[in-house]
PDB file of all heavy atoms in Angstrom:
ATOM      1  N   LEU A   1       0.775  -1.232   0.001  1.00  0.00           N
ATOM      2  CA  LEU A   1       0.012  -0.002  -0.004  1.00  0.00           C
ATOM      3  C   LEU A   1       0.811   1.293  -0.003  1.00  0.00           C
ATOM      4  O   LEU A   1       0.279   2.372   0.006  1.00  0.00           O
ATOM      5  CB  LEU A   1      -0.929   0.013   1.203  1.00  0.00           C
ATOM      6  CG  LEU A   1      -1.899  -1.182   1.309  1.00  0.00           C
ATOM      7  CD1 LEU A   1      -2.671  -1.152   2.611  1.00  0.00           C
ATOM      8  CD2 LEU A   1      -2.820  -1.205   0.121  1.00  0.00           C
ATOM      9  N   VAL A   2       2.150   1.168  -0.001  1.00  0.00           N
ATOM     10  CA  VAL A   2       2.990   2.355   0.024  1.00  0.00           C
ATOM     11  C   VAL A   2       3.023   2.991  -1.358  1.00  0.00           C
ATOM     12  O   VAL A   2       3.449   2.372  -2.331  1.00  0.00           O
ATOM     13  CB  VAL A   2       4.447   1.971   0.455  1.00  0.00           C
ATOM     14  CG1 VAL A   2       5.360   3.196   0.333  1.00  0.00           C
ATOM     15  CG2 VAL A   2       4.452   1.417   1.857  1.00  0.00           C
ATOM     16  N   PRO A   3       2.529   4.249  -1.491  1.00  0.00           N
ATOM     17  CA  PRO A   3       2.535   4.907  -2.813  1.00  0.00           C
ATOM     18  C   PRO A   3       3.956   5.242  -3.236  1.00  0.00           C
ATOM     19  O   PRO A   3       4.689   5.946  -2.507  1.00  0.00           O
ATOM     20  CB  PRO A   3       1.723   6.185  -2.570  1.00  0.00           C
ATOM     21  CG  PRO A   3       1.257   6.193  -1.186  1.00  0.00           C
ATOM     22  CD  PRO A   3       1.916   5.077  -0.467  1.00  0.00           C
ATOM     23  N   ARG A   4       4.365   4.740  -4.347  1.00  0.00           N
ATOM     24  CA  ARG A   4       5.749   4.874  -4.824  1.00  0.00           C
ATOM     25  C   ARG A   4       6.187   6.342  -4.927  1.00  0.00           C
ATOM     26  O   ARG A   4       7.279   6.714  -4.515  1.00  0.00           O
ATOM     27  CB  ARG A   4       5.917   4.166  -6.171  1.00  0.00           C
ATOM     28  CG  ARG A   4       7.351   4.153  -6.632  1.00  0.00           C
ATOM     29  CD  ARG A   4       7.510   3.484  -7.992  1.00  0.00           C
ATOM     30  NE  ARG A   4       6.902   2.181  -7.982  1.00  0.00           N
ATOM     31  CZ  ARG A   4       6.068   1.722  -8.942  1.00  0.00           C
ATOM     32  NH1 ARG A   4       5.750   2.470  -9.944  1.00  0.00           N
ATOM     33  NH2 ARG A   4       5.565   0.506  -8.879  1.00  0.00           N
ATOM     34  N   ASP A   5       5.334   7.193  -5.496  1.00  0.00           N
ATOM     35  CA  ASP A   5       5.723   8.599  -5.694  1.00  0.00           C
ATOM     36  C   ASP A   5       5.963   9.306  -4.368  1.00  0.00           C
ATOM     37  O   ASP A   5       6.936  10.058  -4.211  1.00  0.00           O
ATOM     38  CB  ASP A   5       4.663   9.352  -6.499  1.00  0.00           C
ATOM     39  CG  ASP A   5       4.604   8.892  -7.929  1.00  0.00           C
ATOM     40  OD1 ASP A   5       5.616   8.339  -8.424  1.00  0.00           O
ATOM     41  OD2 ASP A   5       3.565   9.121  -8.593  1.00  0.00           O
ATOM     42  N   ARG A   6       5.096   9.063  -3.372  1.00  0.00           N
ATOM     43  CA  ARG A   6       5.287   9.685  -2.071  1.00  0.00           C
ATOM     44  C   ARG A   6       6.547   9.121  -1.389  1.00  0.00           C
ATOM     45  O   ARG A   6       7.275   9.865  -0.755  1.00  0.00           O
ATOM     46  CB  ARG A   6       4.044   9.453  -1.202  1.00  0.00           C
ATOM     47  CG  ARG A   6       4.171  10.220   0.127  1.00  0.00           C
ATOM     48  CD  ARG A   6       2.944  10.083   0.960  1.00  0.00           C
ATOM     49  NE  ARG A   6       1.944  10.978   0.422  1.00  0.00           N
ATOM     50  CZ  ARG A   6       0.686  10.965   0.807  1.00  0.00           C
ATOM     51  NH1 ARG A   6       0.261  10.079   1.681  1.00  0.00           N
ATOM     52  NH2 ARG A   6      -0.173  11.820   0.307  1.00  0.00           N
ATOM     53  N   LEU A   7       6.758   7.834  -1.545  1.00  0.00           N
ATOM     54  CA  LEU A   7       7.986   7.216  -0.980  1.00  0.00           C
ATOM     55  C   LEU A   7       9.216   7.884  -1.552  1.00  0.00           C
ATOM     56  O   LEU A   7      10.146   8.253  -0.801  1.00  0.00           O
ATOM     57  CB  LEU A   7       8.008   5.723  -1.301  1.00  0.00           C
ATOM     58  CG  LEU A   7       9.330   4.989  -1.012  1.00  0.00           C
ATOM     59  CD1 LEU A   7       9.636   4.977   0.474  1.00  0.00           C
ATOM     60  CD2 LEU A   7       9.251   3.585  -1.578  1.00  0.00           C
ATOM     61  N   LEU A   8       9.267   8.064  -2.860  1.00  0.00           N
ATOM     62  CA  LEU A   8      10.441   8.691  -3.502  1.00  0.00           C
ATOM     63  C   LEU A   8      10.606  10.133  -3.078  1.00  0.00           C
ATOM     64  O   LEU A   8      11.732  10.604  -2.908  1.00  0.00           O
ATOM     65  CB  LEU A   8      10.347   8.546  -5.022  1.00  0.00           C
ATOM     66  CG  LEU A   8      10.432   7.108  -5.526  1.00  0.00           C
ATOM     67  CD1 LEU A   8      10.106   7.071  -7.017  1.00  0.00           C
ATOM     68  CD2 LEU A   8      11.785   6.489  -5.239  1.00  0.00           C
ATOM     69  N   THR A   9       9.489  10.864  -2.882  1.00  0.00           N
ATOM     70  CA  THR A   9       9.563  12.237  -2.371  1.00  0.00           C
ATOM     71  C   THR A   9      10.170  12.248  -0.981  1.00  0.00           C
ATOM     72  O   THR A   9      11.035  13.069  -0.668  1.00  0.00           O
ATOM     73  CB  THR A   9       8.144  12.860  -2.347  1.00  0.00           C
ATOM     74  OG1 THR A   9       7.648  12.904  -3.689  1.00  0.00           O
ATOM     75  CG2 THR A   9       8.176  14.266  -1.790  1.00  0.00           C
ATOM     76  N   LYS A  10       9.754  11.338  -0.128  1.00  0.00           N
ATOM     77  CA  LYS A  10      10.307  11.284   1.232  1.00  0.00           C
ATOM     78  C   LYS A  10      11.751  10.838   1.231  1.00  0.00           C
ATOM     79  O   LYS A  10      12.567  11.306   2.003  1.00  0.00           O
ATOM     80  CB  LYS A  10       9.444  10.343   2.095  1.00  0.00           C
ATOM     81  CG  LYS A  10       8.078  10.923   2.420  1.00  0.00           C
ATOM     82  CD  LYS A  10       7.330  10.000   3.349  1.00  0.00           C
ATOM     83  CE  LYS A  10       6.008  10.644   3.777  1.00  0.00           C
ATOM     84  NZ  LYS A  10       5.398   9.938   4.903  1.00  0.00           N
ATOM     85  N   LEU A  11      12.108   9.924   0.324  1.00  0.00           N
ATOM     86  CA  LEU A  11      13.503   9.492   0.204  1.00  0.00           C
ATOM     87  C   LEU A  11      14.375  10.678  -0.193  1.00  0.00           C
ATOM     88  O   LEU A  11      15.455  10.867   0.374  1.00  0.00           O
ATOM     89  CB  LEU A  11      13.619   8.358  -0.798  1.00  0.00           C
ATOM     90  CG  LEU A  11      14.995   7.742  -0.989  1.00  0.00           C
ATOM     91  CD1 LEU A  11      15.517   7.147   0.328  1.00  0.00           C
ATOM     92  CD2 LEU A  11      14.976   6.689  -2.078  1.00  0.00           C
ATOM     93  N   THR A  12      13.933  11.486  -1.139  1.00  0.00           N
ATOM     94  CA  THR A  12      14.668  12.695  -1.554  1.00  0.00           C
ATOM     95  C   THR A  12      14.836  13.629  -0.360  1.00  0.00           C
ATOM     96  O   THR A  12      15.932  14.148  -0.145  1.00  0.00           O
ATOM     97  CB  THR A  12      13.889  13.395  -2.683  1.00  0.00           C
ATOM     98  OG1 THR A  12      13.789  12.502  -3.792  1.00  0.00           O
ATOM     99  CG2 THR A  12      14.635  14.648  -3.107  1.00  0.00           C
ATOM    100  N   ALA A  13      13.774  13.817   0.424  1.00  0.00           N
ATOM    101  CA  ALA A  13      13.828  14.702   1.596  1.00  0.00           C
ATOM    102  C   ALA A  13      14.716  14.196   2.706  1.00  0.00           C
ATOM    103  O   ALA A  13      15.110  14.956   3.585  1.00  0.00           O
ATOM    104  CB  ALA A  13      12.405  14.939   2.126  1.00  0.00           C
ATOM    105  N   SER A  14      15.072  12.909   2.655  1.00  0.00           N
ATOM    106  CA  SER A  14      15.917  12.342   3.714  1.00  0.00           C
ATOM    107  C   SER A  14      17.383  12.685   3.576  1.00  0.00           C
ATOM    108  O   SER A  14      18.195  12.359   4.440  1.00  0.00           O
ATOM    109  CB  SER A  14      15.752  10.823   3.772  1.00  0.00           C
ATOM    110  OG  SER A  14      16.444  10.164   2.712  1.00  0.00           O
ATOM    111  N   GLY A  15      17.743  13.361   2.461  1.00  0.00           N
ATOM    112  CA  GLY A  15      19.115  13.834   2.278  1.00  0.00           C
ATOM    113  C   GLY A  15      19.987  12.957   1.444  1.00  0.00           C
ATOM    114  O   GLY A  15      21.198  13.172   1.362  1.00  0.00           O
ATOM    115  N   VAL A  16      19.435  11.927   0.795  1.00  0.00           N
ATOM    116  CA  VAL A  16      20.290  11.070  -0.031  1.00  0.00           C
ATOM    117  C   VAL A  16      20.530  11.704  -1.395  1.00  0.00           C
ATOM    118  O   VAL A  16      19.771  12.540  -1.838  1.00  0.00           O
ATOM    119  CB  VAL A  16      19.674   9.618  -0.187  1.00  0.00           C
ATOM    120  CG1 VAL A  16      19.464   8.979   1.163  1.00  0.00           C
ATOM    121  CG2 VAL A  16      18.398   9.664  -0.962  1.00  0.00           C
ATOM    122  N   ASP A  17      21.584  11.267  -2.025  1.00  0.00           N
ATOM    123  CA  ASP A  17      21.976  11.767  -3.330  1.00  0.00           C
ATOM    124  C   ASP A  17      20.870  11.464  -4.358  1.00  0.00           C
ATOM    125  O   ASP A  17      20.256  10.390  -4.317  1.00  0.00           O
ATOM    126  CB  ASP A  17      23.283  11.068  -3.770  1.00  0.00           C
ATOM    127  CG  ASP A  17      23.847  11.647  -5.035  1.00  0.00           C
ATOM    128  OD1 ASP A  17      23.305  11.357  -6.123  1.00  0.00           O
ATOM    129  OD2 ASP A  17      24.848  12.390  -4.938  1.00  0.00           O
ATOM    130  N   SER A  18      20.601  12.398  -5.244  1.00  0.00           N
ATOM    131  CA  SER A  18      19.522  12.235  -6.257  1.00  0.00           C
ATOM    132  C   SER A  18      19.736  11.001  -7.135  1.00  0.00           C
ATOM    133  O   SER A  18      18.787  10.393  -7.604  1.00  0.00           O
ATOM    134  CB  SER A  18      19.352  13.497  -7.067  1.00  0.00           C
ATOM    135  OG  SER A  18      20.539  13.747  -7.801  1.00  0.00           O
ATOM    136  N   ARG A  19      21.007  10.646  -7.365  1.00  0.00           N
ATOM    137  CA  ARG A  19      21.265   9.471  -8.186  1.00  0.00           C
ATOM    138  C   ARG A  19      20.818   8.192  -7.504  1.00  0.00           C
ATOM    139  O   ARG A  19      20.373   7.245  -8.169  1.00  0.00           O
ATOM    140  CB  ARG A  19      22.770   9.372  -8.509  1.00  0.00           C
ATOM    141  CG  ARG A  19      23.234  10.538  -9.413  1.00  0.00           C
ATOM    142  CD  ARG A  19      24.709  10.517  -9.580  1.00  0.00           C
ATOM    143  NE  ARG A  19      25.323  10.871  -8.272  1.00  0.00           N
ATOM    144  CZ  ARG A  19      26.602  11.006  -8.035  1.00  0.00           C
ATOM    145  NH1 ARG A  19      27.455  10.796  -9.026  1.00  0.00           N
ATOM    146  NH2 ARG A  19      27.059  11.311  -6.836  1.00  0.00           N
ATOM    147  N   VAL A  20      20.855   8.171  -6.184  1.00  0.00           N
ATOM    148  CA  VAL A  20      20.368   7.006  -5.448  1.00  0.00           C
ATOM    149  C   VAL A  20      18.833   6.941  -5.525  1.00  0.00           C
ATOM    150  O   VAL A  20      18.247   5.848  -5.659  1.00  0.00           O
ATOM    151  CB  VAL A  20      20.863   7.030  -3.987  1.00  0.00           C
ATOM    152  CG1 VAL A  20      20.233   5.934  -3.136  1.00  0.00           C
ATOM    153  CG2 VAL A  20      22.392   6.923  -3.934  1.00  0.00           C
ATOM    154  N   VAL A  21      18.197   8.109  -5.454  1.00  0.00           N
ATOM    155  CA  VAL A  21      16.750   8.153  -5.589  1.00  0.00           C
ATOM    156  C   VAL A  21      16.340   7.607  -6.965  1.00  0.00           C
ATOM    157  O   VAL A  21      15.381   6.822  -7.079  1.00  0.00           O
ATOM    158  CB  VAL A  21      16.194   9.584  -5.349  1.00  0.00           C
ATOM    159  CG1 VAL A  21      14.685   9.633  -5.628  1.00  0.00           C
ATOM    160  CG2 VAL A  21      16.523  10.065  -3.983  1.00  0.00           C
ATOM    161  N   VAL A  22      17.036   8.000  -7.983  1.00  0.00           N
ATOM    162  CA  VAL A  22      16.764   7.464  -9.347  1.00  0.00           C
ATOM    163  C   VAL A  22      16.960   5.971  -9.385  1.00  0.00           C
ATOM    164  O   VAL A  22      16.150   5.228  -9.954  1.00  0.00           O
ATOM    165  CB  VAL A  22      17.646   8.186 -10.409  1.00  0.00           C
ATOM    166  CG1 VAL A  22      17.554   7.497 -11.755  1.00  0.00           C
ATOM    167  CG2 VAL A  22      17.277   9.658 -10.511  1.00  0.00           C
ATOM    168  N   TRP A  23      18.031   5.476  -8.785  1.00  0.00           N
ATOM    169  CA  TRP A  23      18.292   4.028  -8.733  1.00  0.00           C
ATOM    170  C   TRP A  23      17.155   3.302  -8.043  1.00  0.00           C
ATOM    171  O   TRP A  23      16.656   2.276  -8.506  1.00  0.00           O
ATOM    172  CB  TRP A  23      19.620   3.719  -8.031  1.00  0.00           C
ATOM    173  CG  TRP A  23      19.956   2.283  -8.116  1.00  0.00           C
ATOM    174  CD1 TRP A  23      20.721   1.671  -9.059  1.00  0.00           C
ATOM    175  CD2 TRP A  23      19.544   1.232  -7.225  1.00  0.00           C
ATOM    176  NE1 TRP A  23      20.805   0.320  -8.836  1.00  0.00           N
ATOM    177  CE2 TRP A  23      20.099   0.031  -7.696  1.00  0.00           C
ATOM    178  CE3 TRP A  23      18.768   1.209  -6.094  1.00  0.00           C
ATOM    179  CZ2 TRP A  23      19.868  -1.188  -7.079  1.00  0.00           C
ATOM    180  CZ3 TRP A  23      18.528  -0.010  -5.443  1.00  0.00           C
ATOM    181  CH2 TRP A  23      19.089  -1.208  -5.930  1.00  0.00           C
ATOM    182  N   VAL A  24      16.707   3.817  -6.900  1.00  0.00           N
ATOM    183  CA  VAL A  24      15.609   3.197  -6.149  1.00  0.00           C
ATOM    184  C   VAL A  24      14.330   3.214  -6.988  1.00  0.00           C
ATOM    185  O   VAL A  24      13.603   2.228  -7.048  1.00  0.00           O
ATOM    186  CB  VAL A  24      15.384   3.877  -4.781  1.00  0.00           C
ATOM    187  CG1 VAL A  24      14.102   3.418  -4.139  1.00  0.00           C
ATOM    188  CG2 VAL A  24      16.569   3.630  -3.873  1.00  0.00           C
ATOM    189  N   ARG A  25      14.054   4.334  -7.688  1.00  0.00           N
ATOM    190  CA  ARG A  25      12.874   4.401  -8.556  1.00  0.00           C
ATOM    191  C   ARG A  25      12.948   3.287  -9.604  1.00  0.00           C
ATOM    192  O   ARG A  25      11.954   2.555  -9.810  1.00  0.00           O
ATOM    193  CB  ARG A  25      12.750   5.754  -9.208  1.00  0.00           C
ATOM    194  CG  ARG A  25      11.456   5.851 -10.019  1.00  0.00           C
ATOM    195  CD  ARG A  25      11.338   7.130 -10.857  1.00  0.00           C
ATOM    196  NE  ARG A  25      12.265   7.029 -11.969  1.00  0.00           N
ATOM    197  CZ  ARG A  25      13.117   7.994 -12.328  1.00  0.00           C
ATOM    198  NH1 ARG A  25      13.166   9.137 -11.699  1.00  0.00           N
ATOM    199  NH2 ARG A  25      13.927   7.814 -13.320  1.00  0.00           N
ATOM    200  N   GLU A  26      14.067   3.148 -10.254  1.00  0.00           N
ATOM    201  CA  GLU A  26      14.224   2.100 -11.289  1.00  0.00           C
ATOM    202  C   GLU A  26      14.142   0.697 -10.674  1.00  0.00           C
ATOM    203  O   GLU A  26      13.619  -0.226 -11.299  1.00  0.00           O
ATOM    204  CB  GLU A  26      15.555   2.272 -12.037  1.00  0.00           C
ATOM    205  CG  GLU A  26      15.612   3.542 -12.846  1.00  0.00           C
ATOM    206  CD  GLU A  26      14.500   3.610 -13.884  1.00  0.00           C
ATOM    207  OE1 GLU A  26      14.285   2.589 -14.611  1.00  0.00           O
ATOM    208  OE2 GLU A  26      13.875   4.654 -14.005  1.00  0.00           O
ATOM    209  N   PHE A  27      14.603   0.549  -9.442  1.00  0.00           N
ATOM    210  CA  PHE A  27      14.519  -0.732  -8.724  1.00  0.00           C
ATOM    211  C   PHE A  27      13.059  -1.109  -8.467  1.00  0.00           C
ATOM    212  O   PHE A  27      12.711  -2.285  -8.517  1.00  0.00           O
ATOM    213  CB  PHE A  27      15.291  -0.596  -7.403  1.00  0.00           C
ATOM    214  CG  PHE A  27      15.216  -1.801  -6.506  1.00  0.00           C
ATOM    215  CD1 PHE A  27      15.916  -2.956  -6.798  1.00  0.00           C
ATOM    216  CD2 PHE A  27      14.468  -1.731  -5.356  1.00  0.00           C
ATOM    217  CE1 PHE A  27      15.815  -4.044  -5.934  1.00  0.00           C
ATOM    218  CE2 PHE A  27      14.372  -2.816  -4.475  1.00  0.00           C
ATOM    219  CZ  PHE A  27      15.076  -3.992  -4.795  1.00  0.00           C
TER     220      PHE A  27
END
């Protein structure tokens, strides 16, 4: 039930590198 877009927004806000966020999205 975790919405992917909101998860990625929160991951970005957690301070990780944007390239890692892109990798997680593709994952």
